[in-house]
Amino acid sequence: MASTISPWTVVAGLFAIVAFAFAMPEIREMFRVTLFGSRNNRGVAFDRARDIPSLADKVILITGAAGDLGRETATELVKYGRPARVYIADLPCEEKVKQALNKRILEAAYGAESDGGDESPKTEIRYLELDLTSFDSVRGCAAEFVAQEARLDVLVLNAGIIRVATGTTKEGYEMHFGLNYLGHALLAKLLVPTMQRSVHQHPGLDARIVVVSSEGYAMAPKQGIEFDKLKTDGAHLAYAQRYGQSKLALIYLARQLAQRNPMLKTASVHPGRILTGMATSLQKESLLVRVTKPLAPLVCVSVSVGIANHLWAATSPEVVSGTYYEPVGVPGKETAIAQDDALSEKLWEWAERQFEGVKAL
């Protein structure tokens, strides 16, 4: 005769799983950030139709724009700002995939106009191949861009990964850190001169860099950045710590770029807790995330809502360079480690040494 498991046994089992999970520091921190972290897409009133200014003649580059956040950011900037060109920098793909992405963005932005019935100029979407895990690819992407453009108005460092298998980039850096931070730091280093020239050649130009970080930076290791372990696979850290370390580094990157390039306006942003494809892949891998999935609608927002902080940082006159913003447009209450200017400077200098073998454009 088959035995029946009582509901109380199930409840007790779930409590045991949760208790075990909370015994792990990184899990406690993940729940703290998820349930009691920053505000989620509130803050200042931001109406994209009203507040995004004309971006006519401007050139924009967005990394990771083939994914949810980047694609929607590109779409909304095109829809409301009508820039001259938007460059999508993402992993190599077939031409038909690029064309489909182009069509999807333009149709979403222009509607029926995108079929050519309207003779007014349309934003041109161009694709750049970019693998942020390879210095050669990053340099190649930057070189291809400057071969096509003499100006760059807005650079959105949006691409990112979370909870990938332990491993290293082409140059041997921990995967989250290498892709989320180091690849973007190199891309910015190579493209900032073009942005500086743009400002000099077009007086009054409001050139910007938007660095997409996350409130998950709070899950970084206690010391912030483990310099002696960055060129390993990071297996000694939980995935949340590896991710948090890379996002903390991005806050530092924005601050250093702002300090060193006062003619540019640079900000780091937390987009909010968003239901993206990245979250879906995380759900497939994590039992804890699957168990807590029913809570997602209570603490997460859609991609369309979640990109508001991207758009605000890319266009609002209220942005203060060097600031980390929670959604929407609210200066974040950074932890002590995030405010550590000495550590920020140390990371900048460390990264510069890693880039010594990369030829300037």
Protein backbone atom coordinates (compact mmCIF):
# COMPACT_ATOMS: atom_id res chain seq x y z
CA MET A 1 0.00 0.00 0.00
CA ALA A 2 1.46 3.33 -1.07
CA SER A 3 2.26 5.69 1.77
CA THR A 4 0.86 9.21 1.76
CA ILE A 5 3.07 12.18 2.54
CA SER A 6 1.27 14.61 4.81
CA PRO A 7 1.16 18.34 4.00
CA TRP A 8 3.00 19.02 7.25
CA THR A 9 5.87 16.84 6.09
CA VAL A 10 6.09 18.84 2.86
CA VAL A 11 6.04 22.14 4.79
CA ALA A 12 8.70 20.87 7.17
CA GLY A 13 10.83 19.81 4.22
CA LEU A 14 10.52 23.24 2.60
CA PHE A 15 11.49 24.94 5.86
CA ALA A 16 14.51 22.68 6.09
CA ILE A 17 15.57 23.61 2.54
CA VAL A 18 15.17 27.32 3.27
CA ALA A 19 17.04 27.02 6.57
CA PHE A 20 19.89 25.21 4.83
CA ALA A 21 19.98 27.85 2.09
CA PHE A 22 20.06 30.71 4.58
CA ALA A 23 23.00 29.09 6.34
CA MET A 24 25.00 30.05 3.24
CA PRO A 25 26.10 33.73 3.37
CA GLU A 26 25.77 34.27 -0.36
CA ILE A 27 22.17 33.00 -0.34
CA ARG A 28 21.25 35.25 2.59
CA GLU A 29 22.70 38.20 0.73
CA MET A 30 20.84 37.29 -2.46
CA PHE A 31 17.53 37.24 -0.60
CA ARG A 32 18.35 40.49 1.19
CA VAL A 33 19.03 42.23 -2.10
CA THR A 34 16.00 40.69 -3.81
CA LEU A 35 13.45 41.36 -1.08
CA PHE A 36 14.82 44.42 0.68
CA GLY A 37 17.11 46.00 -1.90
CA SER A 38 16.67 49.24 -3.77
CA ARG A 39 13.42 50.67 -5.05
CA ASN A 40 12.11 49.01 -8.18
CA ASN A 41 11.25 51.43 -10.99
CA ARG A 42 9.73 54.27 -9.05
CA GLY A 43 11.65 57.47 -8.33
CA VAL A 44 11.36 60.54 -10.53
CA ALA A 45 8.52 60.97 -12.97
CA PHE A 46 9.86 59.98 -16.37
CA ASP A 47 7.60 59.96 -19.40
CA ARG A 48 9.69 58.76 -22.32
CA ALA A 49 7.36 60.29 -24.91
CA ARG A 50 7.62 63.66 -23.19
CA ASP A 51 11.10 63.59 -21.67
CA ILE A 52 13.34 61.94 -24.27
CA PRO A 53 14.59 64.87 -26.35
CA SER A 54 15.29 64.85 -30.05
CA LEU A 55 18.36 62.76 -30.79
CA ALA A 56 18.51 63.88 -34.42
CA ASP A 57 22.00 63.50 -35.94
CA LYS A 58 23.21 61.57 -32.89
CA VAL A 59 25.07 58.26 -33.02
CA ILE A 60 24.45 55.64 -30.33
CA LEU A 61 26.21 52.36 -29.56
CA ILE A 62 24.63 49.74 -27.29
CA THR A 63 26.32 46.51 -26.23
CA GLY A 64 24.18 43.41 -25.82
CA ALA A 65 21.42 45.01 -27.88
CA ALA A 66 20.32 41.67 -29.32
CA GLY A 67 19.09 40.74 -25.82
CA ASP A 68 16.01 41.91 -23.95
CA LEU A 69 17.24 45.07 -22.22
CA GLY A 70 19.52 46.26 -25.00
CA ARG A 71 16.99 45.65 -27.76
CA GLU A 72 14.22 47.49 -25.92
CA THR A 73 16.58 50.35 -25.07
CA ALA A 74 17.47 50.70 -28.74
CA THR A 75 13.81 50.53 -29.73
CA GLU A 76 12.69 53.24 -27.32
CA LEU A 77 15.56 55.59 -28.17
CA VAL A 78 14.69 55.21 -31.86
CA LYS A 79 10.96 55.57 -31.24
CA TYR A 80 11.14 58.76 -29.21
CA GLY A 81 14.51 60.30 -30.10
CA ARG A 82 14.99 59.42 -33.79
CA PRO A 83 18.82 59.32 -33.74
CA ALA A 84 20.74 59.11 -37.01
CA ARG A 85 22.25 55.70 -36.31
CA VAL A 86 22.17 53.06 -33.60
CA TYR A 87 24.93 50.47 -33.49
CA ILE A 88 24.13 47.12 -31.95
CA ALA A 89 27.28 45.45 -30.64
CA ASP A 90 26.71 41.79 -29.86
CA LEU A 91 27.95 38.28 -30.52
CA PRO A 92 28.49 37.20 -34.12
CA CYS A 93 25.35 35.85 -35.79
CA GLU A 94 23.98 35.04 -39.23
CA GLU A 95 22.95 37.86 -41.55
CA LYS A 96 19.29 36.79 -41.42
CA VAL A 97 19.35 37.14 -37.63
CA LYS A 98 20.76 40.66 -37.93
CA GLN A 99 18.10 41.59 -40.47
CA ALA A 100 15.35 40.19 -38.27
CA LEU A 101 16.61 42.21 -35.30
CA ASN A 102 16.82 45.33 -37.44
CA LYS A 103 13.25 44.82 -38.65
CA ARG A 104 11.96 44.13 -35.16
CA ILE A 105 13.45 47.34 -33.74
CA LEU A 106 12.29 49.56 -36.59
CA GLU A 107 8.78 48.11 -36.70
CA ALA A 108 8.42 48.55 -32.95
CA ALA A 109 9.72 52.12 -33.17
CA TYR A 110 8.02 53.33 -36.34
CA GLY A 111 5.08 50.98 -36.74
CA ALA A 112 3.66 50.99 -40.26
CA GLU A 113 6.11 53.75 -41.24
CA SER A 114 9.00 51.28 -41.21
CA ASP A 115 7.88 49.72 -44.50
CA GLY A 116 9.06 52.75 -46.46
CA GLY A 117 5.66 54.35 -46.97
CA ASP A 118 6.83 57.46 -45.16
CA GLU A 119 9.65 59.34 -46.92
CA SER A 120 11.00 60.98 -43.73
CA PRO A 121 14.51 59.83 -42.70
CA LYS A 122 14.61 56.72 -40.56
CA THR A 123 17.18 55.75 -37.96
CA GLU A 124 19.70 53.36 -39.43
CA ILE A 125 20.46 50.23 -37.41
CA ARG A 126 23.92 48.76 -37.86
CA TYR A 127 25.37 45.59 -36.33
CA LEU A 128 28.87 45.24 -34.90
CA GLU A 129 30.27 41.87 -33.88
CA LEU A 130 31.47 41.92 -30.28
CA ASP A 131 32.63 39.15 -27.99
CA LEU A 132 33.40 40.79 -24.66
CA THR A 133 35.37 37.75 -23.52
CA SER A 134 38.09 38.50 -26.09
CA PHE A 135 40.34 41.58 -26.14
CA ASP A 136 40.91 41.03 -29.86
CA SER A 137 37.17 41.05 -30.52
CA VAL A 138 36.64 44.17 -28.40
CA ARG A 139 39.37 46.00 -30.27
CA GLY A 140 38.00 44.77 -33.59
CA CYS A 141 34.54 46.07 -32.71
CA ALA A 142 35.91 49.48 -31.73
CA ALA A 143 38.05 49.64 -34.87
CA GLU A 144 35.06 48.80 -37.07
CA PHE A 145 33.02 51.51 -35.40
CA VAL A 146 35.60 54.29 -35.81
CA ALA A 147 36.10 53.23 -39.43
CA GLN A 148 32.43 54.06 -40.01
CA GLU A 149 31.87 57.01 -37.68
CA ALA A 150 33.58 60.26 -36.76
CA ARG A 151 31.33 60.82 -33.74
CA LEU A 152 29.76 58.95 -30.85
CA ASP A 153 27.14 60.63 -28.69
CA VAL A 154 25.85 57.87 -26.41
CA LEU A 155 27.61 54.67 -25.36
CA VAL A 156 25.48 52.20 -23.39
CA LEU A 157 27.51 49.41 -21.78
CA ASN A 158 24.58 47.06 -21.31
CA ALA A 159 25.68 43.48 -22.08
CA GLY A 160 26.06 41.08 -19.19
CA ILE A 161 25.89 37.55 -17.87
CA ILE A 162 24.85 35.93 -14.60
CA ARG A 163 25.32 32.42 -13.29
CA VAL A 164 27.30 30.93 -16.13
CA ALA A 165 29.42 27.84 -15.59
CA THR A 166 32.79 28.51 -14.00
CA GLY A 167 35.35 29.30 -16.64
CA THR A 168 37.63 31.97 -18.01
CA THR A 169 37.72 34.42 -20.89
CA LYS A 170 40.14 34.17 -23.82
CA GLU A 171 42.75 36.01 -21.75
CA GLY A 172 42.14 33.88 -18.65
CA TYR A 173 39.95 36.11 -16.46
CA GLU A 174 36.98 34.85 -14.43
CA MET A 175 34.05 34.83 -16.83
CA HIS A 176 31.65 37.25 -15.10
CA PHE A 177 34.42 39.73 -14.36
CA GLY A 178 35.99 39.42 -17.78
CA LEU A 179 32.79 39.90 -19.76
CA ASN A 180 30.73 42.21 -17.55
CA TYR A 181 33.56 44.51 -16.52
CA LEU A 182 36.88 44.04 -18.30
CA GLY A 183 35.51 43.80 -21.85
CA HIS A 184 33.42 46.92 -21.29
CA ALA A 185 36.31 48.79 -19.68
CA LEU A 186 38.45 48.10 -22.74
CA LEU A 187 35.68 49.10 -25.15
CA ALA A 188 35.21 52.39 -23.28
CA LYS A 189 38.97 53.01 -23.29
CA LEU A 190 39.06 52.59 -27.07
CA LEU A 191 35.94 54.67 -27.82
CA VAL A 192 36.32 57.55 -25.35
CA PRO A 193 38.76 59.38 -27.69
CA THR A 194 36.06 59.41 -30.37
CA MET A 195 33.57 60.81 -27.86
CA GLN A 196 36.06 63.48 -26.79
CA ARG A 197 36.62 64.52 -30.40
CA SER A 198 32.87 64.64 -30.91
CA VAL A 199 32.53 67.12 -28.04
CA HIS A 200 35.34 69.32 -29.39
CA GLN A 201 33.95 69.29 -32.92
CA HIS A 202 30.35 69.93 -31.86
CA PRO A 203 30.29 72.58 -29.10
CA GLY A 204 27.52 71.95 -26.63
CA LEU A 205 27.32 68.24 -27.45
CA ASP A 206 25.97 66.23 -24.52
CA ALA A 207 27.98 63.02 -24.89
CA ARG A 208 27.21 60.24 -22.42
CA ILE A 209 28.27 56.84 -21.18
CA VAL A 210 25.68 54.68 -19.41
CA VAL A 211 27.15 51.77 -17.47
CA VAL A 212 24.60 49.10 -16.55
CA SER A 213 25.47 47.77 -13.12
CA SER A 214 23.07 46.21 -10.60
CA GLU A 215 22.12 46.36 -6.95
CA GLY A 216 23.59 42.86 -7.01
CA TYR A 217 26.98 44.55 -6.54
CA ALA A 218 26.23 44.17 -2.82
CA MET A 219 26.85 40.41 -3.20
CA ALA A 220 30.53 40.98 -4.04
CA PRO A 221 33.14 39.39 -1.75
CA LYS A 222 33.72 41.19 1.54
CA GLN A 223 36.89 42.88 0.29
CA GLY A 224 35.14 44.02 -2.89
CA ILE A 225 37.60 42.94 -5.58
CA GLU A 226 39.79 39.85 -5.22
CA PHE A 227 42.70 41.08 -7.33
CA ASP A 228 44.83 37.98 -6.80
CA LYS A 229 42.02 35.67 -7.99
CA LEU A 230 40.72 37.58 -11.03
CA LYS A 231 42.82 35.52 -13.41
CA THR A 232 41.30 32.23 -12.26
CA ASP A 233 37.91 30.62 -12.90
CA GLY A 234 36.65 31.94 -9.54
CA ALA A 235 35.40 28.52 -8.48
CA HIS A 236 36.11 29.37 -4.83
CA LEU A 237 33.30 31.95 -4.95
CA ALA A 238 29.56 31.39 -5.24
CA TYR A 239 28.11 32.56 -8.55
CA ALA A 240 26.36 35.45 -6.75
CA GLN A 241 29.71 36.70 -5.47
CA ARG A 242 31.31 36.43 -8.90
CA TYR A 243 28.43 38.37 -10.41
CA GLY A 244 28.43 40.92 -7.59
CA GLN A 245 32.15 41.54 -7.95
CA SER A 246 31.73 42.31 -11.65
CA LYS A 247 28.84 44.70 -11.01
CA LEU A 248 30.75 46.50 -8.25
CA ALA A 249 33.59 46.93 -10.73
CA LEU A 250 31.17 48.58 -13.16
CA ILE A 251 30.18 51.18 -10.56
CA TYR A 252 33.89 51.90 -10.14
CA LEU A 253 34.30 52.11 -13.92
CA ALA A 254 31.60 54.75 -14.26
CA ARG A 255 33.09 56.81 -11.44
CA GLN A 256 36.60 56.67 -12.88
CA LEU A 257 35.40 57.54 -16.38
CA ALA A 258 33.53 60.53 -14.95
CA GLN A 259 36.54 61.77 -13.01
CA ARG A 260 38.95 61.37 -15.92
CA ASN A 261 36.65 62.70 -18.65
CA PRO A 262 34.76 65.72 -17.31
CA MET A 263 33.58 66.66 -20.81
CA LEU A 264 31.54 63.43 -20.87
CA LYS A 265 28.58 62.63 -18.64
CA THR A 266 28.91 59.13 -17.19
CA ALA A 267 26.53 57.29 -14.87
CA SER A 268 26.02 53.74 -13.66
CA VAL A 269 22.50 52.38 -13.30
CA HIS A 270 20.60 49.57 -11.66
CA PRO A 271 17.72 48.73 -14.01
CA GLY A 272 15.54 47.22 -11.31
CA ARG A 273 14.54 43.61 -10.83
CA ILE A 274 13.38 42.61 -14.28
CA LEU A 275 11.88 39.48 -15.83
CA THR A 276 14.35 38.94 -18.66
CA GLY A 277 15.70 36.02 -20.63
CA MET A 278 18.65 36.07 -18.25
CA ALA A 279 16.27 35.53 -15.35
CA THR A 280 14.65 32.64 -17.22
CA SER A 281 17.98 30.89 -17.71
CA LEU A 282 18.77 31.42 -14.03
CA GLN A 283 15.45 29.80 -13.14
CA LYS A 284 16.38 26.69 -15.12
CA GLU A 285 19.63 26.26 -13.22
CA SER A 286 18.69 27.17 -9.67
CA LEU A 287 16.35 25.10 -7.49
CA LEU A 288 16.07 28.01 -5.07
CA VAL A 289 15.00 30.38 -7.85
CA ARG A 290 12.47 27.84 -9.15
CA VAL A 291 10.96 27.42 -5.69
CA THR A 292 10.60 31.19 -5.27
CA LYS A 293 9.33 31.77 -8.83
CA PRO A 294 5.74 32.58 -7.67
CA LEU A 295 7.16 35.65 -5.90
CA ALA A 296 8.70 37.04 -9.10
CA PRO A 297 5.68 39.10 -10.23
CA LEU A 298 5.64 40.75 -6.79
CA VAL A 299 9.24 41.97 -6.95
CA CYS A 300 9.98 42.13 -10.69
CA VAL A 301 8.85 44.33 -13.56
CA SER A 302 8.68 43.86 -17.30
CA VAL A 303 11.57 44.68 -19.62
CA SER A 304 9.61 47.63 -21.03
CA VAL A 305 9.28 49.15 -17.57
CA GLY A 306 12.77 48.12 -16.51
CA ILE A 307 14.63 50.03 -19.21
CA ALA A 308 13.36 53.37 -17.90
CA ASN A 309 16.56 53.94 -15.92
CA HIS A 310 18.66 53.22 -19.02
CA LEU A 311 16.66 55.77 -20.99
CA TRP A 312 16.69 58.36 -18.23
CA ALA A 313 20.46 58.12 -17.79
CA ALA A 314 21.01 58.34 -21.55
CA THR A 315 18.89 61.46 -22.04
CA SER A 316 17.93 63.35 -18.88
CA PRO A 317 19.53 66.74 -18.16
CA GLU A 318 19.36 65.87 -14.45
CA VAL A 319 22.09 63.21 -14.61
CA VAL A 320 25.09 63.99 -12.39
CA SER A 321 28.25 62.44 -13.78
CA GLY A 322 29.81 59.70 -11.68
CA THR A 323 26.60 58.85 -9.82
CA TYR A 324 25.07 55.39 -9.38
CA TYR A 325 21.30 55.53 -9.95
CA GLU A 326 18.51 53.27 -8.84
CA PRO A 327 15.28 53.32 -10.86
CA VAL A 328 14.28 55.77 -11.89
CA GLY A 329 16.82 58.58 -11.53
CA VAL A 330 17.37 58.15 -7.78
CA PRO A 331 20.95 58.30 -6.47
CA GLY A 332 21.59 54.91 -4.90
CA LYS A 333 22.47 54.45 -1.25
CA GLU A 334 25.80 52.81 -1.94
CA THR A 335 27.51 50.54 0.54
CA ALA A 336 30.83 51.60 2.04
CA ILE A 337 32.72 49.33 -0.35
CA ALA A 338 30.99 50.89 -3.37
CA GLN A 339 32.10 54.33 -2.17
CA ASP A 340 35.73 53.27 -1.72
CA ASP A 341 37.60 55.67 -4.02
CA ALA A 342 40.96 54.08 -3.25
CA LEU A 343 39.71 50.67 -4.37
CA SER A 344 38.11 52.24 -7.43
CA GLU A 345 41.43 53.83 -8.35
CA LYS A 346 43.30 50.59 -7.70
CA LEU A 347 40.99 48.70 -10.05
CA TRP A 348 41.43 51.31 -12.79
CA GLU A 349 45.21 51.05 -12.56
CA TRP A 350 45.04 47.24 -12.50
CA ALA A 351 42.86 47.21 -15.63
CA GLU A 352 45.22 49.59 -17.42
CA ARG A 353 48.03 47.09 -16.87
CA GLN A 354 45.89 44.30 -18.33
CA PHE A 355 45.33 46.38 -21.47
CA GLU A 356 49.01 47.14 -22.10
CA GLY A 357 49.18 44.61 -24.93
CA VAL A 358 46.18 46.06 -26.77
CA LYS A 359 47.17 48.43 -29.58
CA ALA A 360 45.53 51.84 -29.65
CA LEU A 361 43.25 52.58 -32.58
